[in-house]
Structure formats: C-alpha cells, structure tokens
N, C-alpha and C. Protein backbone atom coordinates (compact mmCIF):
# COMPACT_ATOMS: atom_id res chain seq x y z
N MET A 1 -0.65 -2.90 -10.62
CA MET A 1 0.31 -3.08 -9.57
C MET A 1 -0.24 -4.08 -8.57
N ARG A 2 0.53 -5.03 -8.21
CA ARG A 2 0.15 -6.06 -7.26
C ARG A 2 0.24 -5.49 -5.85
N PRO A 3 -0.71 -5.84 -4.97
CA PRO A 3 -0.61 -5.35 -3.61
C PRO A 3 0.66 -5.87 -2.96
N LEU A 4 1.24 -5.07 -2.12
CA LEU A 4 2.45 -5.46 -1.41
C LEU A 4 2.17 -6.71 -0.60
N ALA A 5 2.95 -7.73 -0.80
CA ALA A 5 2.73 -9.00 -0.09
C ALA A 5 3.32 -8.90 1.31
N ILE A 6 2.48 -8.80 2.28
CA ILE A 6 2.90 -8.71 3.67
C ILE A 6 2.30 -9.90 4.39
N SER A 7 3.13 -10.70 4.98
CA SER A 7 2.64 -11.89 5.67
C SER A 7 2.51 -11.61 7.16
N ARG A 8 1.90 -12.54 7.86
CA ARG A 8 1.77 -12.41 9.31
C ARG A 8 3.12 -12.38 10.01
N ASP A 9 4.17 -12.86 9.36
CA ASP A 9 5.51 -12.88 9.95
C ASP A 9 6.31 -11.63 9.62
N SER A 10 5.71 -10.67 8.96
CA SER A 10 6.44 -9.48 8.55
C SER A 10 6.55 -8.48 9.70
N PRO A 11 7.36 -7.43 9.51
CA PRO A 11 7.47 -6.39 10.54
C PRO A 11 6.14 -5.71 10.84
N TRP A 12 5.18 -5.78 9.91
CA TRP A 12 3.89 -5.11 10.11
C TRP A 12 3.07 -5.75 11.22
N THR A 13 3.44 -6.94 11.66
CA THR A 13 2.69 -7.56 12.75
C THR A 13 2.85 -6.75 14.04
N HIS A 14 3.84 -5.89 14.09
CA HIS A 14 4.10 -5.08 15.28
C HIS A 14 3.38 -3.73 15.24
N ILE A 15 2.61 -3.47 14.22
CA ILE A 15 1.98 -2.17 14.06
C ILE A 15 0.77 -1.98 14.97
N ALA A 16 0.16 -3.04 15.42
CA ALA A 16 -1.07 -2.94 16.22
C ALA A 16 -0.85 -2.16 17.51
N TRP A 17 0.27 -2.33 18.15
CA TRP A 17 0.50 -1.63 19.41
C TRP A 17 0.60 -0.11 19.22
N MET A 18 0.84 0.33 17.98
CA MET A 18 0.90 1.77 17.70
C MET A 18 -0.49 2.33 17.41
N GLN A 19 -1.50 1.51 17.46
CA GLN A 19 -2.86 1.90 17.12
C GLN A 19 -2.92 2.45 15.69
N ALA A 20 -2.14 1.85 14.83
CA ALA A 20 -2.13 2.23 13.42
C ALA A 20 -2.89 1.18 12.63
N LEU A 21 -3.43 1.60 11.52
CA LEU A 21 -4.14 0.69 10.62
C LEU A 21 -3.35 0.57 9.33
N GLU A 22 -3.31 -0.61 8.79
CA GLU A 22 -2.61 -0.82 7.53
C GLU A 22 -3.62 -1.21 6.45
N TYR A 23 -3.35 -0.73 5.25
CA TYR A 23 -4.16 -1.06 4.09
C TYR A 23 -3.22 -1.25 2.91
N ALA A 24 -3.66 -2.02 1.96
CA ALA A 24 -2.95 -2.12 0.69
C ALA A 24 -3.95 -1.75 -0.39
N ILE A 25 -3.46 -1.07 -1.41
CA ILE A 25 -4.35 -0.65 -2.49
C ILE A 25 -3.65 -0.91 -3.82
N SER A 26 -4.44 -1.33 -4.79
CA SER A 26 -3.89 -1.53 -6.13
C SER A 26 -5.01 -1.33 -7.15
N ARG A 27 -4.61 -1.35 -8.40
CA ARG A 27 -5.57 -1.20 -9.49
C ARG A 27 -6.30 -2.50 -9.78
N ASP A 28 -5.93 -3.58 -9.11
CA ASP A 28 -6.60 -4.87 -9.30
C ASP A 28 -8.06 -4.77 -8.88
N SER A 29 -8.84 -5.70 -9.37
CA SER A 29 -10.27 -5.73 -9.06
C SER A 29 -10.50 -6.22 -7.63
N PRO A 30 -11.65 -5.91 -7.06
CA PRO A 30 -11.97 -6.43 -5.73
C PRO A 30 -11.92 -7.96 -5.68
N TRP A 31 -12.29 -8.62 -6.76
CA TRP A 31 -12.28 -10.09 -6.79
C TRP A 31 -10.85 -10.62 -6.74
N THR A 32 -9.94 -9.93 -7.41
CA THR A 32 -8.53 -10.31 -7.35
C THR A 32 -8.01 -10.15 -5.93
N HIS A 33 -8.46 -9.10 -5.26
CA HIS A 33 -8.02 -8.88 -3.88
C HIS A 33 -8.49 -9.99 -2.94
N VAL A 34 -9.67 -10.48 -3.17
CA VAL A 34 -10.15 -11.61 -2.35
C VAL A 34 -9.20 -12.79 -2.52
N ALA A 35 -8.80 -13.05 -3.75
CA ALA A 35 -7.88 -14.16 -4.01
C ALA A 35 -6.52 -13.92 -3.33
N TRP A 36 -5.99 -12.68 -3.42
CA TRP A 36 -4.72 -12.36 -2.76
C TRP A 36 -4.85 -12.52 -1.25
N MET A 37 -5.93 -12.05 -0.68
CA MET A 37 -6.10 -12.15 0.77
C MET A 37 -6.12 -13.60 1.22
N GLN A 38 -6.78 -14.45 0.46
CA GLN A 38 -6.84 -15.86 0.80
C GLN A 38 -5.48 -16.53 0.59
N ALA A 39 -4.83 -16.22 -0.51
CA ALA A 39 -3.54 -16.86 -0.83
C ALA A 39 -2.46 -16.48 0.16
N LEU A 40 -2.48 -15.23 0.61
CA LEU A 40 -1.44 -14.73 1.51
C LEU A 40 -1.86 -14.73 2.98
N ASP A 41 -3.10 -15.13 3.24
CA ASP A 41 -3.64 -15.17 4.60
C ASP A 41 -3.50 -13.80 5.29
N LEU A 42 -3.93 -12.76 4.58
CA LEU A 42 -3.82 -11.40 5.10
C LEU A 42 -4.98 -11.09 6.04
N ASP A 43 -4.71 -10.26 7.03
CA ASP A 43 -5.75 -9.88 7.98
C ASP A 43 -5.96 -8.37 7.99
N PHE A 44 -5.65 -7.72 6.87
CA PHE A 44 -5.92 -6.30 6.71
C PHE A 44 -6.54 -6.09 5.33
N PRO A 45 -7.25 -4.98 5.15
CA PRO A 45 -7.98 -4.77 3.90
C PRO A 45 -7.07 -4.48 2.70
N LEU A 46 -7.46 -5.02 1.57
CA LEU A 46 -6.90 -4.66 0.28
C LEU A 46 -7.95 -3.83 -0.43
N LEU A 47 -7.61 -2.63 -0.80
CA LEU A 47 -8.55 -1.71 -1.43
C LEU A 47 -8.31 -1.66 -2.93
N SER A 48 -9.37 -1.62 -3.69
CA SER A 48 -9.27 -1.58 -5.14
C SER A 48 -9.39 -0.14 -5.65
N ASP A 49 -8.41 0.25 -6.43
CA ASP A 49 -8.43 1.55 -7.10
C ASP A 49 -8.74 1.31 -8.57
N TRP A 50 -9.83 0.59 -8.80
CA TRP A 50 -10.22 0.12 -10.13
C TRP A 50 -10.22 1.23 -11.17
N ASN A 51 -10.69 2.42 -10.83
CA ASN A 51 -10.78 3.52 -11.79
C ASN A 51 -9.61 4.48 -11.71
N ALA A 52 -8.60 4.16 -10.90
CA ALA A 52 -7.36 4.95 -10.77
C ALA A 52 -7.58 6.30 -10.11
N ASP A 53 -8.66 6.47 -9.37
CA ASP A 53 -8.90 7.74 -8.69
C ASP A 53 -7.80 8.04 -7.67
N ALA A 54 -7.43 7.07 -6.86
CA ALA A 54 -6.37 7.28 -5.87
C ALA A 54 -5.01 7.42 -6.55
N THR A 55 -4.79 6.64 -7.58
CA THR A 55 -3.53 6.71 -8.32
C THR A 55 -3.31 8.12 -8.84
N ARG A 56 -4.32 8.70 -9.45
CA ARG A 56 -4.19 10.06 -9.95
C ARG A 56 -4.18 11.07 -8.80
N GLY A 57 -4.99 10.83 -7.77
CA GLY A 57 -5.07 11.75 -6.63
C GLY A 57 -3.76 11.86 -5.87
N PHE A 58 -3.04 10.76 -5.74
CA PHE A 58 -1.74 10.78 -5.07
C PHE A 58 -0.60 11.09 -6.03
N ASP A 59 -0.94 11.35 -7.30
CA ASP A 59 0.02 11.72 -8.33
C ASP A 59 1.12 10.66 -8.50
N ILE A 60 0.70 9.40 -8.57
CA ILE A 60 1.66 8.31 -8.74
C ILE A 60 1.39 7.52 -10.02
N ALA A 61 0.66 8.13 -10.95
CA ALA A 61 0.32 7.45 -12.20
C ALA A 61 1.46 7.59 -13.21
N PHE A 62 1.68 6.52 -13.96
CA PHE A 62 2.62 6.59 -15.07
C PHE A 62 2.14 5.64 -16.16
N GLU A 63 2.72 5.78 -17.33
CA GLU A 63 2.36 4.90 -18.45
C GLU A 63 3.38 3.78 -18.53
N TYR A 64 2.89 2.56 -18.66
CA TYR A 64 3.76 1.39 -18.73
C TYR A 64 3.31 0.50 -19.88
N ARG A 65 4.16 0.38 -20.87
CA ARG A 65 3.87 -0.46 -22.04
C ARG A 65 2.51 -0.17 -22.64
N GLY A 66 2.19 1.10 -22.75
CA GLY A 66 0.94 1.52 -23.35
C GLY A 66 -0.25 1.56 -22.41
N LEU A 67 -0.08 1.09 -21.18
CA LEU A 67 -1.16 1.15 -20.18
C LEU A 67 -1.04 2.46 -19.42
N LYS A 68 -2.13 3.20 -19.37
CA LYS A 68 -2.12 4.49 -18.68
C LYS A 68 -2.57 4.33 -17.23
N ASP A 69 -2.15 5.27 -16.42
CA ASP A 69 -2.54 5.32 -15.00
C ASP A 69 -2.13 4.07 -14.23
N VAL A 70 -0.98 3.52 -14.56
CA VAL A 70 -0.40 2.44 -13.76
C VAL A 70 0.15 3.09 -12.50
N SER A 71 -0.02 2.45 -11.36
CA SER A 71 0.42 3.02 -10.09
C SER A 71 1.88 2.71 -9.82
N GLU A 72 2.62 3.74 -9.44
CA GLU A 72 3.98 3.50 -8.96
C GLU A 72 3.89 2.79 -7.62
N ARG A 73 4.83 1.92 -7.32
CA ARG A 73 4.85 1.27 -6.00
C ARG A 73 5.19 2.35 -4.98
N SER A 74 4.31 2.52 -4.02
CA SER A 74 4.42 3.62 -3.08
C SER A 74 3.93 3.21 -1.70
N ALA A 75 4.30 3.99 -0.72
CA ALA A 75 3.77 3.85 0.64
C ALA A 75 3.46 5.25 1.15
N PHE A 76 2.33 5.38 1.84
CA PHE A 76 1.92 6.66 2.40
C PHE A 76 1.58 6.49 3.86
N LEU A 77 1.98 7.46 4.66
CA LEU A 77 1.62 7.49 6.07
C LEU A 77 0.62 8.62 6.23
N ILE A 78 -0.59 8.27 6.63
CA ILE A 78 -1.68 9.24 6.73
C ILE A 78 -2.16 9.27 8.18
N ASP A 79 -2.24 10.47 8.75
CA ASP A 79 -2.64 10.57 10.16
C ASP A 79 -4.15 10.46 10.32
N ARG A 80 -4.60 10.53 11.56
CA ARG A 80 -6.03 10.37 11.86
C ARG A 80 -6.91 11.43 11.20
N GLU A 81 -6.34 12.59 10.92
CA GLU A 81 -7.12 13.66 10.27
C GLU A 81 -7.09 13.56 8.75
N GLY A 82 -6.41 12.55 8.23
CA GLY A 82 -6.35 12.37 6.78
C GLY A 82 -5.23 13.14 6.11
N VAL A 83 -4.29 13.67 6.89
CA VAL A 83 -3.17 14.42 6.35
C VAL A 83 -2.02 13.45 6.04
N VAL A 84 -1.48 13.56 4.82
CA VAL A 84 -0.35 12.72 4.44
C VAL A 84 0.88 13.23 5.18
N ARG A 85 1.46 12.38 6.04
CA ARG A 85 2.63 12.74 6.85
C ARG A 85 3.92 12.19 6.29
N GLY A 86 3.82 11.28 5.34
CA GLY A 86 5.01 10.72 4.71
C GLY A 86 4.64 10.03 3.42
N ALA A 87 5.55 10.07 2.47
CA ALA A 87 5.33 9.40 1.19
C ALA A 87 6.66 8.83 0.71
N TRP A 88 6.63 7.59 0.26
CA TRP A 88 7.82 6.90 -0.21
C TRP A 88 7.51 6.27 -1.56
N GLY A 89 8.44 6.31 -2.47
CA GLY A 89 8.29 5.67 -3.76
C GLY A 89 9.35 4.60 -3.93
N TYR A 90 9.02 3.56 -4.67
CA TYR A 90 9.92 2.42 -4.85
C TYR A 90 9.92 2.00 -6.31
N GLY A 91 11.01 1.41 -6.74
CA GLY A 91 11.07 0.81 -8.06
C GLY A 91 10.18 -0.43 -8.10
N THR A 92 9.85 -0.88 -9.28
CA THR A 92 8.92 -2.01 -9.41
C THR A 92 9.47 -3.29 -8.78
N SER A 93 10.78 -3.42 -8.66
CA SER A 93 11.33 -4.64 -8.05
C SER A 93 11.85 -4.39 -6.63
N ASP A 94 11.67 -3.16 -6.13
CA ASP A 94 12.14 -2.82 -4.78
C ASP A 94 11.09 -3.14 -3.74
N MET A 95 11.55 -3.52 -2.57
CA MET A 95 10.67 -3.70 -1.42
C MET A 95 10.82 -2.47 -0.52
N PRO A 96 9.74 -2.07 0.13
CA PRO A 96 9.82 -0.93 1.05
C PRO A 96 10.76 -1.23 2.21
N ASP A 97 11.34 -0.19 2.75
CA ASP A 97 12.14 -0.30 3.97
C ASP A 97 11.16 -0.29 5.14
N PHE A 98 10.77 -1.47 5.59
CA PHE A 98 9.76 -1.58 6.64
C PHE A 98 10.16 -0.87 7.92
N ASP A 99 11.43 -0.93 8.27
CA ASP A 99 11.88 -0.26 9.49
C ASP A 99 11.67 1.25 9.39
N ALA A 100 11.98 1.83 8.24
CA ALA A 100 11.78 3.27 8.05
C ALA A 100 10.29 3.64 8.14
N LEU A 101 9.45 2.81 7.55
CA LEU A 101 8.00 3.08 7.61
C LEU A 101 7.47 2.98 9.03
N LEU A 102 7.91 1.96 9.76
CA LEU A 102 7.47 1.80 11.15
C LEU A 102 8.01 2.91 12.03
N ASP A 103 9.26 3.34 11.81
CA ASP A 103 9.82 4.46 12.57
C ASP A 103 9.01 5.72 12.34
N ALA A 104 8.63 5.96 11.10
CA ALA A 104 7.83 7.15 10.78
C ALA A 104 6.46 7.08 11.45
N ALA A 105 5.85 5.89 11.47
CA ALA A 105 4.54 5.74 12.13
C ALA A 105 4.65 5.95 13.62
N ARG A 106 5.75 5.53 14.23
CA ARG A 106 5.94 5.73 15.67
C ARG A 106 6.01 7.21 16.04
N LEU A 107 6.45 8.04 15.12
CA LEU A 107 6.61 9.47 15.41
C LEU A 107 5.28 10.23 15.40
N LEU A 108 4.22 9.62 14.90
CA LEU A 108 2.92 10.30 14.88
C LEU A 108 2.33 10.41 16.26
C-alpha cells in the first residue's frame, strides 16, 4: 500500500494548531519512504510496516492477488495515551474524507 499522498497544500496543514501529530505508514521499505518524502516534499514521518506487524495488529490485513498481509487503506485517530479513538477504512481508489478526520481530531 502506498502512503497517502498529502501535500503541504492539503487540509492536514491545519493540524498543527490542534497539537496533533500526523504519520503515514505502509508496507513499503524505509528506503522507498525516503523517496516518497523527497518526491512529495513531506514534512511528517512515513513509517515502514515492513513485517506487517501493524497491519495485523490493527486487523487490516487482506490477501490481494496472492500477496498476504496487504494493508487496507485506513486512517486511525490515536490519543496521547495510545488509545484508538477512531478508525476509518477506504477502498483502494478512495481518498479519506479529510474534513471528517480533522473534525474527529478536534474533538479529542
């Protein structure tokens, strides 16, 4: 799964005032993430789930064309104590509803 492409012009640029942190995670290698960060000029971390530990831990693994533990496109809102406060799933061609995610983060 490719990390969600969020540019500096996206709605996520407004997240800093909420004292929230954003991360993207995918099964891609750390080296691939470096390339994505440079290509997209991202200023937040891309985390590698190379061994699918997070994919299985969040129960978002599925099999795709014979590949096991492929991650469903998802978004999670996790509070300061590490408790998942929201979870959203998306189709492979769907984009997240950024307004809904930001509204949920504002409620924390």
